[in-house]
């Protein structure tokens, strides 16, 4: 990967952690060389920080007064009573007719920079394929939302969406959401740095759960990270036919079986560093 062949849009996705593992590592190597890519990344970081200071996402979301815009921008609020994330409520206000043109101009100016900072997520598309000890993105299907995992961390009364390889700490409370492109069966589990496997989503009698396609679906309860070192990796495993969750657990814990598992089913992996 040459320095001058990396487009700005790919560097933006790199800053968000929304590239396949191999491309993330390639750009990270170029950044460590502190050459042209490092200088461009520093410029993008400064520009993004300046836009965020001028247009805070929370304040901007409240100015756009439709529920669809809040949902599209992914602004979520933590509701501790049920331990899940819910969209921010939007209050309708009366606006003088003379103010409508001015508001439309302001919204147009805000949408352009915000789309540069928060592009539509396309990483984790399809599933992760295991090759030579590395999980890589594998795209499946077209025209619909790809299979993916979202991890949101509680931050006071609200929540922040985490990117691949974000650094987390023991005690962090996270909410998991999944997206699948079509009706299927699946399970969502995680493995930490001690090799402990935790099942976050499964069906009845040890089987996989039926999954709803389309929009992101939040799990019914949150999850608190413990002090296990190094990492916590979440796996979303899906299949058109129902399957035993125990077989998936054994395959994930046994490195020699991971490759066979990735051939049989769609797998998406999301890792937090610790």
C-alpha atoms as a PDB file:
ATOM      1  CA  UNK A   1       0.000   0.000   0.000  1.00  0.00           C
ATOM      2  CA  UNK A   2       1.674   3.193  -1.235  1.00  0.00           C
ATOM      3  CA  UNK A   3       1.243   6.466   0.668  1.00  0.00           C
ATOM      4  CA  UNK A   4      -0.109   8.421  -2.289  1.00  0.00           C
ATOM      5  CA  UNK A   5      -2.666   5.731  -3.237  1.00  0.00           C
ATOM      6  CA  UNK A   6      -4.671   5.897   0.016  1.00  0.00           C
ATOM      7  CA  UNK A   7      -7.744   8.136  -0.626  1.00  0.00           C
ATOM      8  CA  UNK A   8      -9.095  10.464   2.056  1.00  0.00           C
ATOM      9  CA  UNK A   9     -12.341   8.493   2.373  1.00  0.00           C
ATOM     10  CA  UNK A  10     -10.348   5.389   3.322  1.00  0.00           C
ATOM     11  CA  UNK A  11      -8.370   7.365   5.913  1.00  0.00           C
ATOM     12  CA  UNK A  12     -11.691   8.590   7.382  1.00  0.00           C
ATOM     13  CA  UNK A  13     -12.877   4.960   7.657  1.00  0.00           C
ATOM     14  CA  UNK A  14      -9.509   4.059   9.224  1.00  0.00           C
ATOM     15  CA  UNK A  15     -10.011   6.698  11.942  1.00  0.00           C
ATOM     16  CA  UNK A  16     -13.432   5.169  12.660  1.00  0.00           C
ATOM     17  CA  UNK A  17     -12.029   1.608  12.670  1.00  0.00           C
ATOM     18  CA  UNK A  18     -14.399   0.681   9.818  1.00  0.00           C
ATOM     19  CA  UNK A  19     -12.031  -1.124   7.448  1.00  0.00           C
ATOM     20  CA  UNK A  20     -11.180  -4.827   7.068  1.00  0.00           C
ATOM     21  CA  UNK A  21      -8.439  -5.966   9.443  1.00  0.00           C
ATOM     22  CA  UNK A  22      -5.806  -6.254   6.703  1.00  0.00           C
ATOM     23  CA  UNK A  23      -6.402  -2.688   5.462  1.00  0.00           C
ATOM     24  CA  UNK A  24      -6.433  -1.327   9.022  1.00  0.00           C
ATOM     25  CA  UNK A  25      -3.054  -2.916   9.662  1.00  0.00           C
ATOM     26  CA  UNK A  26      -1.621  -1.618   6.363  1.00  0.00           C
ATOM     27  CA  UNK A  27      -2.627   1.997   7.073  1.00  0.00           C
ATOM     28  CA  UNK A  28      -1.495   1.676  10.708  1.00  0.00           C
ATOM     29  CA  UNK A  29       1.961   0.637   9.412  1.00  0.00           C
ATOM     30  CA  UNK A  30       2.081   3.685   7.126  1.00  0.00           C
ATOM     31  CA  UNK A  31       1.013   5.925  10.011  1.00  0.00           C
ATOM     32  CA  UNK A  32       3.795   4.526  12.236  1.00  0.00           C
ATOM     33  CA  UNK A  33       6.309   5.555   9.565  1.00  0.00           C
ATOM     34  CA  UNK A  34       5.240   9.183  10.264  1.00  0.00           C
ATOM     35  CA  UNK A  35       5.314  10.097   6.593  1.00  0.00           C
ATOM     36  CA  UNK A  36       2.652  11.461   4.260  1.00  0.00           C
ATOM     37  CA  UNK A  37      -0.157   9.261   5.616  1.00  0.00           C
ATOM     38  CA  UNK A  38       0.618  10.318   9.189  1.00  0.00           C
ATOM     39  CA  UNK A  39       0.468  13.997   8.204  1.00  0.00           C
ATOM     40  CA  UNK A  40      -2.858  13.524   6.377  1.00  0.00           C
ATOM     41  CA  UNK A  41      -4.312  11.613   9.328  1.00  0.00           C
ATOM     42  CA  UNK A  42      -3.262  14.370  11.731  1.00  0.00           C
ATOM     43  CA  UNK A  43      -4.941  16.924   9.456  1.00  0.00           C
ATOM     44  CA  UNK A  44      -8.167  14.872   9.312  1.00  0.00           C
ATOM     45  CA  UNK A  45      -8.163  14.434  13.098  1.00  0.00           C
ATOM     46  CA  UNK A  46      -7.800  18.184  13.576  1.00  0.00           C
ATOM     47  CA  UNK A  47     -10.557  18.957  11.051  1.00  0.00           C
ATOM     48  CA  UNK A  48     -12.928  16.407  12.635  1.00  0.00           C
ATOM     49  CA  UNK A  49     -12.236  17.766  16.125  1.00  0.00           C
ATOM     50  CA  UNK A  50     -12.905  21.329  14.938  1.00  0.00           C
ATOM     51  CA  UNK A  51     -16.226  20.349  13.334  1.00  0.00           C
ATOM     52  CA  UNK A  52     -17.288  18.421  16.450  1.00  0.00           C
ATOM     53  CA  UNK A  53     -16.507  21.427  18.644  1.00  0.00           C
ATOM     54  CA  UNK A  54     -18.504  23.695  16.369  1.00  0.00           C
ATOM     55  CA  UNK A  55     -21.368  21.265  15.790  1.00  0.00           C
ATOM     56  CA  UNK A  56     -21.671  18.915  18.828  1.00  0.00           C
ATOM     57  CA  UNK A  57     -23.567  15.790  17.686  1.00  0.00           C
ATOM     58  CA  UNK A  58     -25.981  15.841  20.646  1.00  0.00           C
ATOM     59  CA  UNK A  59     -26.970  19.467  20.088  1.00  0.00           C
ATOM     60  CA  UNK A  60     -27.259  18.929  16.346  1.00  0.00           C
ATOM     61  CA  UNK A  61     -29.490  15.889  16.806  1.00  0.00           C
ATOM     62  CA  UNK A  62     -31.889  17.866  18.971  1.00  0.00           C
ATOM     63  CA  UNK A  63     -32.151  20.571  16.334  1.00  0.00           C
ATOM     64  CA  UNK A  64     -33.317  18.164  13.650  1.00  0.00           C
ATOM     65  CA  UNK A  65     -36.900  17.705  14.737  1.00  0.00           C
ATOM     66  CA  UNK A  66     -37.981  14.370  13.280  1.00  0.00           C
ATOM     67  CA  UNK A  67     -37.676  10.932  14.787  1.00  0.00           C
ATOM     68  CA  UNK A  68     -36.267   9.536  11.537  1.00  0.00           C
ATOM     69  CA  UNK A  69     -33.292  11.885  11.582  1.00  0.00           C
ATOM     70  CA  UNK A  70     -32.431  10.901  15.137  1.00  0.00           C
ATOM     71  CA  UNK A  71     -32.589   7.241  14.190  1.00  0.00           C
ATOM     72  CA  UNK A  72     -30.558   7.776  11.012  1.00  0.00           C
ATOM     73  CA  UNK A  73     -27.749   9.517  12.902  1.00  0.00           C
ATOM     74  CA  UNK A  74     -27.731   6.788  15.522  1.00  0.00           C
ATOM     75  CA  UNK A  75     -28.055   9.147  18.518  1.00  0.00           C
ATOM     76  CA  UNK A  76     -29.030   6.894  21.420  1.00  0.00           C
ATOM     77  CA  UNK A  77     -29.821   7.503  25.064  1.00  0.00           C
ATOM     78  CA  UNK A  78     -29.293   5.105  27.957  1.00  0.00           C
ATOM     79  CA  UNK A  79     -32.437   4.204  29.897  1.00  0.00           C
ATOM     80  CA  UNK A  80     -31.231   2.521  33.081  1.00  0.00           C
ATOM     81  CA  UNK A  81     -34.667   1.271  34.189  1.00  0.00           C
ATOM     82  CA  UNK A  82     -34.754  -1.379  31.441  1.00  0.00           C
ATOM     83  CA  UNK A  83     -30.977  -1.525  30.848  1.00  0.00           C
ATOM     84  CA  UNK A  84     -31.086  -0.881  27.134  1.00  0.00           C
ATOM     85  CA  UNK A  85     -30.513   1.970  24.697  1.00  0.00           C
ATOM     86  CA  UNK A  86     -33.476   3.858  23.284  1.00  0.00           C
ATOM     87  CA  UNK A  87     -33.676   6.692  20.698  1.00  0.00           C
ATOM     88  CA  UNK A  88     -33.682  10.175  22.160  1.00  0.00           C
ATOM     89  CA  UNK A  89     -37.195  11.554  22.442  1.00  0.00           C
ATOM     90  CA  UNK A  90     -37.951  14.482  20.155  1.00  0.00           C
ATOM     91  CA  UNK A  91     -40.251  17.286  21.252  1.00  0.00           C
ATOM     92  CA  UNK A  92     -42.201  19.124  18.570  1.00  0.00           C
ATOM     93  CA  UNK A  93     -42.081  22.877  18.751  1.00  0.00           C
ATOM     94  CA  UNK A  94     -43.930  25.536  16.883  1.00  0.00           C
ATOM     95  CA  UNK A  95     -41.675  27.379  14.445  1.00  0.00           C
ATOM     96  CA  UNK A  96     -42.554  30.753  12.867  1.00  0.00           C
ATOM     97  CA  UNK A  97     -42.975  30.509   9.085  1.00  0.00           C
ATOM     98  CA  UNK A  98     -40.348  33.175   8.516  1.00  0.00           C
ATOM     99  CA  UNK A  99     -37.744  30.969  10.244  1.00  0.00           C
ATOM    100  CA  UNK A 100     -38.233  27.911   7.993  1.00  0.00           C
ATOM    101  CA  UNK A 101     -35.889  28.993   5.115  1.00  0.00           C
ATOM    102  CA  UNK A 102     -33.162  29.902   7.602  1.00  0.00           C
ATOM    103  CA  UNK A 103     -33.491  26.554   9.389  1.00  0.00           C
ATOM    104  CA  UNK A 104     -33.274  24.660   6.076  1.00  0.00           C
ATOM    105  CA  UNK A 105     -30.034  26.463   5.230  1.00  0.00           C
ATOM    106  CA  UNK A 106     -28.555  25.651   8.654  1.00  0.00           C
ATOM    107  CA  UNK A 107     -29.520  21.958   8.405  1.00  0.00           C
ATOM    108  CA  UNK A 108     -27.984  21.705   4.908  1.00  0.00           C
ATOM    109  CA  UNK A 109     -24.715  23.198   6.152  1.00  0.00           C
ATOM    110  CA  UNK A 110     -24.662  20.801   9.116  1.00  0.00           C
ATOM    111  CA  UNK A 111     -25.394  17.609   7.192  1.00  0.00           C
ATOM    112  CA  UNK A 112     -22.382  17.918   4.870  1.00  0.00           C
ATOM    113  CA  UNK A 113     -19.631  17.993   7.538  1.00  0.00           C
ATOM    114  CA  UNK A 114     -21.440  15.491   9.750  1.00  0.00           C
ATOM    115  CA  UNK A 115     -21.633  12.937   6.932  1.00  0.00           C
ATOM    116  CA  UNK A 116     -17.861  13.229   6.571  1.00  0.00           C
ATOM    117  CA  UNK A 117     -17.441  12.455  10.271  1.00  0.00           C
ATOM    118  CA  UNK A 118     -20.183   9.814  10.569  1.00  0.00           C
ATOM    119  CA  UNK A 119     -20.337   7.962   7.206  1.00  0.00           C
ATOM    120  CA  UNK A 120     -22.847   5.151   6.763  1.00  0.00           C
ATOM    121  CA  UNK A 121     -21.330   2.043   8.339  1.00  0.00           C
ATOM    122  CA  UNK A 122     -20.163  -0.532   5.783  1.00  0.00           C
ATOM    123  CA  UNK A 123     -17.581  -2.438   7.793  1.00  0.00           C
ATOM    124  CA  UNK A 124     -18.185  -5.894   9.227  1.00  0.00           C
ATOM    125  CA  UNK A 125     -20.104  -6.590   6.026  1.00  0.00           C
ATOM    126  CA  UNK A 126     -21.291 -10.170   5.654  1.00  0.00           C
ATOM    127  CA  UNK A 127     -19.093 -12.076   8.049  1.00  0.00           C
ATOM    128  CA  UNK A 128     -15.524 -12.663   9.134  1.00  0.00           C
ATOM    129  CA  UNK A 129     -13.492 -15.350   7.373  1.00  0.00           C
ATOM    130  CA  UNK A 130     -10.701 -17.012   9.330  1.00  0.00           C
ATOM    131  CA  UNK A 131      -7.420 -17.204   7.406  1.00  0.00           C
ATOM    132  CA  UNK A 132      -3.929 -17.689   8.852  1.00  0.00           C
ATOM    133  CA  UNK A 133      -5.087 -16.727  12.337  1.00  0.00           C
ATOM    134  CA  UNK A 134      -6.887 -13.524  11.216  1.00  0.00           C
ATOM    135  CA  UNK A 135     -10.623 -12.842  10.910  1.00  0.00           C
ATOM    136  CA  UNK A 136     -11.309 -10.874   7.719  1.00  0.00           C
ATOM    137  CA  UNK A 137     -14.546  -9.253   6.505  1.00  0.00           C
ATOM    138  CA  UNK A 138     -16.578 -11.269   4.026  1.00  0.00           C
ATOM    139  CA  UNK A 139     -19.452  -9.518   2.193  1.00  0.00           C
ATOM    140  CA  UNK A 140     -22.609 -11.526   1.574  1.00  0.00           C
ATOM    141  CA  UNK A 141     -25.663 -10.351  -0.348  1.00  0.00           C
ATOM    142  CA  UNK A 142     -26.410  -6.973  -1.940  1.00  0.00           C
ATOM    143  CA  UNK A 143     -29.078  -4.318  -1.634  1.00  0.00           C
ATOM    144  CA  UNK A 144     -29.721  -4.851   2.089  1.00  0.00           C
ATOM    145  CA  UNK A 145     -27.973  -4.092   5.353  1.00  0.00           C
ATOM    146  CA  UNK A 146     -24.983  -6.412   5.781  1.00  0.00           C
ATOM    147  CA  UNK A 147     -24.468  -8.662   8.788  1.00  0.00           C
ATOM    148  CA  UNK A 148     -22.800  -6.657  11.543  1.00  0.00           C
ATOM    149  CA  UNK A 149     -22.322  -6.131  15.283  1.00  0.00           C
ATOM    150  CA  UNK A 150     -22.644  -2.770  17.041  1.00  0.00           C
ATOM    151  CA  UNK A 151     -21.153  -2.169  20.484  1.00  0.00           C
ATOM    152  CA  UNK A 152     -22.331   0.868  22.481  1.00  0.00           C
ATOM    153  CA  UNK A 153     -20.725   1.904  25.784  1.00  0.00           C
ATOM    154  CA  UNK A 154     -22.651   3.603  28.584  1.00  0.00           C
ATOM    155  CA  UNK A 155     -21.402   7.147  29.059  1.00  0.00           C
ATOM    156  CA  UNK A 156     -23.352   8.849  31.833  1.00  0.00           C
ATOM    157  CA  UNK A 157     -26.997   9.177  30.751  1.00  0.00           C
ATOM    158  CA  UNK A 158     -26.109   8.530  27.116  1.00  0.00           C
ATOM    159  CA  UNK A 159     -24.056   6.077  25.074  1.00  0.00           C
ATOM    160  CA  UNK A 160     -21.204   6.129  22.571  1.00  0.00           C
ATOM    161  CA  UNK A 161     -20.813   3.761  19.661  1.00  0.00           C
ATOM    162  CA  UNK A 162     -17.446   1.994  19.748  1.00  0.00           C
ATOM    163  CA  UNK A 163     -15.254   1.176  16.757  1.00  0.00           C
ATOM    164  CA  UNK A 164     -13.259  -1.980  16.075  1.00  0.00           C
ATOM    165  CA  UNK A 165     -10.248  -2.265  18.423  1.00  0.00           C
ATOM    166  CA  UNK A 166     -11.441   0.523  20.740  1.00  0.00           C
ATOM    167  CA  UNK A 167      -9.697   0.324  24.126  1.00  0.00           C
ATOM    168  CA  UNK A 168     -12.111  -0.723  26.890  1.00  0.00           C
ATOM    169  CA  UNK A 169     -11.693  -1.301  30.628  1.00  0.00           C
ATOM    170  CA  UNK A 170     -13.026  -3.693  33.217  1.00  0.00           C
ATOM    171  CA  UNK A 171     -16.290  -2.295  34.588  1.00  0.00           C
ATOM    172  CA  UNK A 172     -17.390  -0.722  31.266  1.00  0.00           C
ATOM    173  CA  UNK A 173     -21.065  -1.434  30.564  1.00  0.00           C
ATOM    174  CA  UNK A 174     -21.842  -2.137  26.910  1.00  0.00           C
ATOM    175  CA  UNK A 175     -24.982  -2.785  24.882  1.00  0.00           C
ATOM    176  CA  UNK A 176     -24.832  -5.102  21.848  1.00  0.00           C
ATOM    177  CA  UNK A 177     -26.875  -4.741  18.668  1.00  0.00           C
ATOM    178  CA  UNK A 178     -26.894  -6.969  15.591  1.00  0.00           C
ATOM    179  CA  UNK A 179     -27.975  -6.546  11.970  1.00  0.00           C
ATOM    180  CA  UNK A 180     -28.649  -9.382   9.512  1.00  0.00           C
ATOM    181  CA  UNK A 181     -29.657  -9.004   5.841  1.00  0.00           C
ATOM    182  CA  UNK A 182     -32.241 -11.808   5.815  1.00  0.00           C
ATOM    183  CA  UNK A 183     -34.215 -14.053   8.144  1.00  0.00           C
ATOM    184  CA  UNK A 184     -31.920 -16.635   9.710  1.00  0.00           C
ATOM    185  CA  UNK A 185     -30.855 -18.260  12.966  1.00  0.00           C
ATOM    186  CA  UNK A 186     -27.929 -17.053  15.025  1.00  0.00           C
ATOM    187  CA  UNK A 187     -26.063 -16.766  18.276  1.00  0.00           C
ATOM    188  CA  UNK A 188     -23.924 -13.968  19.710  1.00  0.00           C
ATOM    189  CA  UNK A 189     -21.061 -14.932  22.037  1.00  0.00           C
ATOM    190  CA  UNK A 190     -17.820 -13.383  23.268  1.00  0.00           C
ATOM    191  CA  UNK A 191     -14.393 -14.702  24.259  1.00  0.00           C
ATOM    192  CA  UNK A 192     -12.067 -12.709  26.542  1.00  0.00           C
ATOM    193  CA  UNK A 193      -8.307 -12.713  27.039  1.00  0.00           C
ATOM    194  CA  UNK A 194      -8.565 -15.547  29.573  1.00  0.00           C
ATOM    195  CA  UNK A 195     -10.325 -17.777  27.045  1.00  0.00           C
ATOM    196  CA  UNK A 196     -13.689 -17.531  28.860  1.00  0.00           C
ATOM    197  CA  UNK A 197     -16.688 -17.758  26.508  1.00  0.00           C
ATOM    198  CA  UNK A 198     -19.952 -15.958  27.335  1.00  0.00           C
ATOM    199  CA  UNK A 199     -23.238 -16.516  25.448  1.00  0.00           C
ATOM    200  CA  UNK A 200     -25.157 -13.255  24.964  1.00  0.00           C
ATOM    201  CA  UNK A 201     -27.892 -14.449  22.579  1.00  0.00           C
ATOM    202  CA  UNK A 202     -29.318 -17.913  21.961  1.00  0.00           C
ATOM    203  CA  UNK A 203     -32.669 -19.624  21.450  1.00  0.00           C
ATOM    204  CA  UNK A 204     -34.519 -22.328  23.310  1.00  0.00           C
ATOM    205  CA  UNK A 205     -33.163 -25.766  24.232  1.00  0.00           C
ATOM    206  CA  UNK A 206     -29.577 -24.872  23.369  1.00  0.00           C
ATOM    207  CA  UNK A 207     -30.444 -23.876  19.806  1.00  0.00           C
ATOM    208  CA  UNK A 208     -29.695 -20.650  17.921  1.00  0.00           C
ATOM    209  CA  UNK A 209     -32.249 -17.831  18.082  1.00  0.00           C
ATOM    210  CA  UNK A 210     -34.387 -16.686  15.112  1.00  0.00           C
ATOM    211  CA  UNK A 211     -33.042 -13.294  13.991  1.00  0.00           C
ATOM    212  CA  UNK A 212     -35.029 -10.401  12.525  1.00  0.00           C
ATOM    213  CA  UNK A 213     -33.543  -8.866   9.343  1.00  0.00           C
ATOM    214  CA  UNK A 214     -33.243  -5.184   8.446  1.00  0.00           C
ATOM    215  CA  UNK A 215     -32.743  -2.620  11.174  1.00  0.00           C
ATOM    216  CA  UNK A 216     -30.276  -3.080  14.088  1.00  0.00           C
ATOM    217  CA  UNK A 217     -31.745  -5.122  16.967  1.00  0.00           C
ATOM    218  CA  UNK A 218     -30.548  -4.445  20.534  1.00  0.00           C
ATOM    219  CA  UNK A 219     -30.146  -7.347  22.962  1.00  0.00           C
ATOM    220  CA  UNK A 220     -32.523  -7.258  25.918  1.00  0.00           C
ATOM    221  CA  UNK A 221     -29.800  -6.701  28.518  1.00  0.00           C
ATOM    222  CA  UNK A 222     -26.443  -4.968  28.777  1.00  0.00           C
ATOM    223  CA  UNK A 223     -23.072  -6.565  29.567  1.00  0.00           C
ATOM    224  CA  UNK A 224     -20.388  -5.435  32.034  1.00  0.00           C
ATOM    225  CA  UNK A 225     -16.802  -6.173  31.040  1.00  0.00           C
ATOM    226  CA  UNK A 226     -14.640  -7.851  33.682  1.00  0.00           C
ATOM    227  CA  UNK A 227     -10.897  -7.404  34.230  1.00  0.00           C
ATOM    228  CA  UNK A 228      -9.802 -10.078  31.741  1.00  0.00           C
ATOM    229  CA  UNK A 229      -6.680  -8.782  29.936  1.00  0.00           C
ATOM    230  CA  UNK A 230      -5.851  -8.093  26.287  1.00  0.00           C
ATOM    231  CA  UNK A 231      -9.232  -8.261  24.539  1.00  0.00           C
ATOM    232  CA  UNK A 232     -12.920  -9.162  24.423  1.00  0.00           C
ATOM    233  CA  UNK A 233     -14.069 -10.386  20.996  1.00  0.00           C
ATOM    234  CA  UNK A 234     -17.766 -10.706  20.117  1.00  0.00           C
ATOM    235  CA  UNK A 235     -18.866 -13.220  17.459  1.00  0.00           C
ATOM    236  CA  UNK A 236     -22.181 -13.180  15.586  1.00  0.00           C
ATOM    237  CA  UNK A 237     -22.654 -16.611  13.972  1.00  0.00           C
ATOM    238  CA  UNK A 238     -25.627 -17.140  11.632  1.00  0.00           C
ATOM    239  CA  UNK A 239     -27.066 -19.828   9.383  1.00  0.00           C
ATOM    240  CA  UNK A 240     -30.218 -20.265   7.289  1.00  0.00           C
ATOM    241  CA  UNK A 241     -30.899 -23.457   9.268  1.00  0.00           C
ATOM    242  CA  UNK A 242     -31.076 -23.731  13.044  1.00  0.00           C
ATOM    243  CA  UNK A 243     -28.052 -25.197  14.818  1.00  0.00           C
ATOM    244  CA  UNK A 244     -26.736 -26.133  18.261  1.00  0.00           C
ATOM    245  CA  UNK A 245     -24.988 -23.286  20.084  1.00  0.00           C
ATOM    246  CA  UNK A 246     -22.726 -25.785  21.850  1.00  0.00           C
ATOM    247  CA  UNK A 247     -21.121 -26.771  18.541  1.00  0.00           C
ATOM    248  CA  UNK A 248     -20.299 -23.117  17.831  1.00  0.00           C
ATOM    249  CA  UNK A 249     -18.812 -22.674  21.310  1.00  0.00           C
ATOM    250  CA  UNK A 250     -16.524 -25.657  20.863  1.00  0.00           C
ATOM    251  CA  UNK A 251     -15.426 -24.507  17.401  1.00  0.00           C
ATOM    252  CA  UNK A 252     -14.598 -20.981  18.590  1.00  0.00           C
ATOM    253  CA  UNK A 253     -12.628 -22.250  21.577  1.00  0.00           C
ATOM    254  CA  UNK A 254     -10.706 -24.753  19.443  1.00  0.00           C
ATOM    255  CA  UNK A 255      -8.533 -22.772  16.993  1.00  0.00           C
ATOM    256  CA  UNK A 256      -8.132 -25.819  14.747  1.00  0.00           C
ATOM    257  CA  UNK A 257     -11.916 -25.833  14.099  1.00  0.00           C
ATOM    258  CA  UNK A 258     -12.416 -22.105  13.478  1.00  0.00           C
ATOM    259  CA  UNK A 259     -11.624 -22.349   9.777  1.00  0.00           C
ATOM    260  CA  UNK A 260     -14.218 -25.084   9.240  1.00  0.00           C
ATOM    261  CA  UNK A 261     -16.796 -23.026  11.144  1.00  0.00           C
ATOM    262  CA  UNK A 262     -16.246 -19.996   8.889  1.00  0.00           C
ATOM    263  CA  UNK A 263     -16.852 -22.154   5.803  1.00  0.00           C
ATOM    264  CA  UNK A 264     -20.157 -23.509   7.100  1.00  0.00           C
ATOM    265  CA  UNK A 265     -21.716 -20.337   8.518  1.00  0.00           C
ATOM    266  CA  UNK A 266     -21.569 -16.545   8.310  1.00  0.00           C
ATOM    267  CA  UNK A 267     -19.417 -15.059  11.080  1.00  0.00           C
ATOM    268  CA  UNK A 268     -18.858 -11.448  12.116  1.00  0.00           C
ATOM    269  CA  UNK A 269     -16.222 -10.547  14.715  1.00  0.00           C
ATOM    270  CA  UNK A 270     -15.910  -7.330  16.759  1.00  0.00           C
ATOM    271  CA  UNK A 271     -12.940  -6.847  19.104  1.00  0.00           C
ATOM    272  CA  UNK A 272     -12.391  -4.499  22.035  1.00  0.00           C
ATOM    273  CA  UNK A 273      -8.789  -4.067  23.212  1.00  0.00           C
ATOM    274  CA  UNK A 274      -8.091  -4.014  26.955  1.00  0.00           C
END
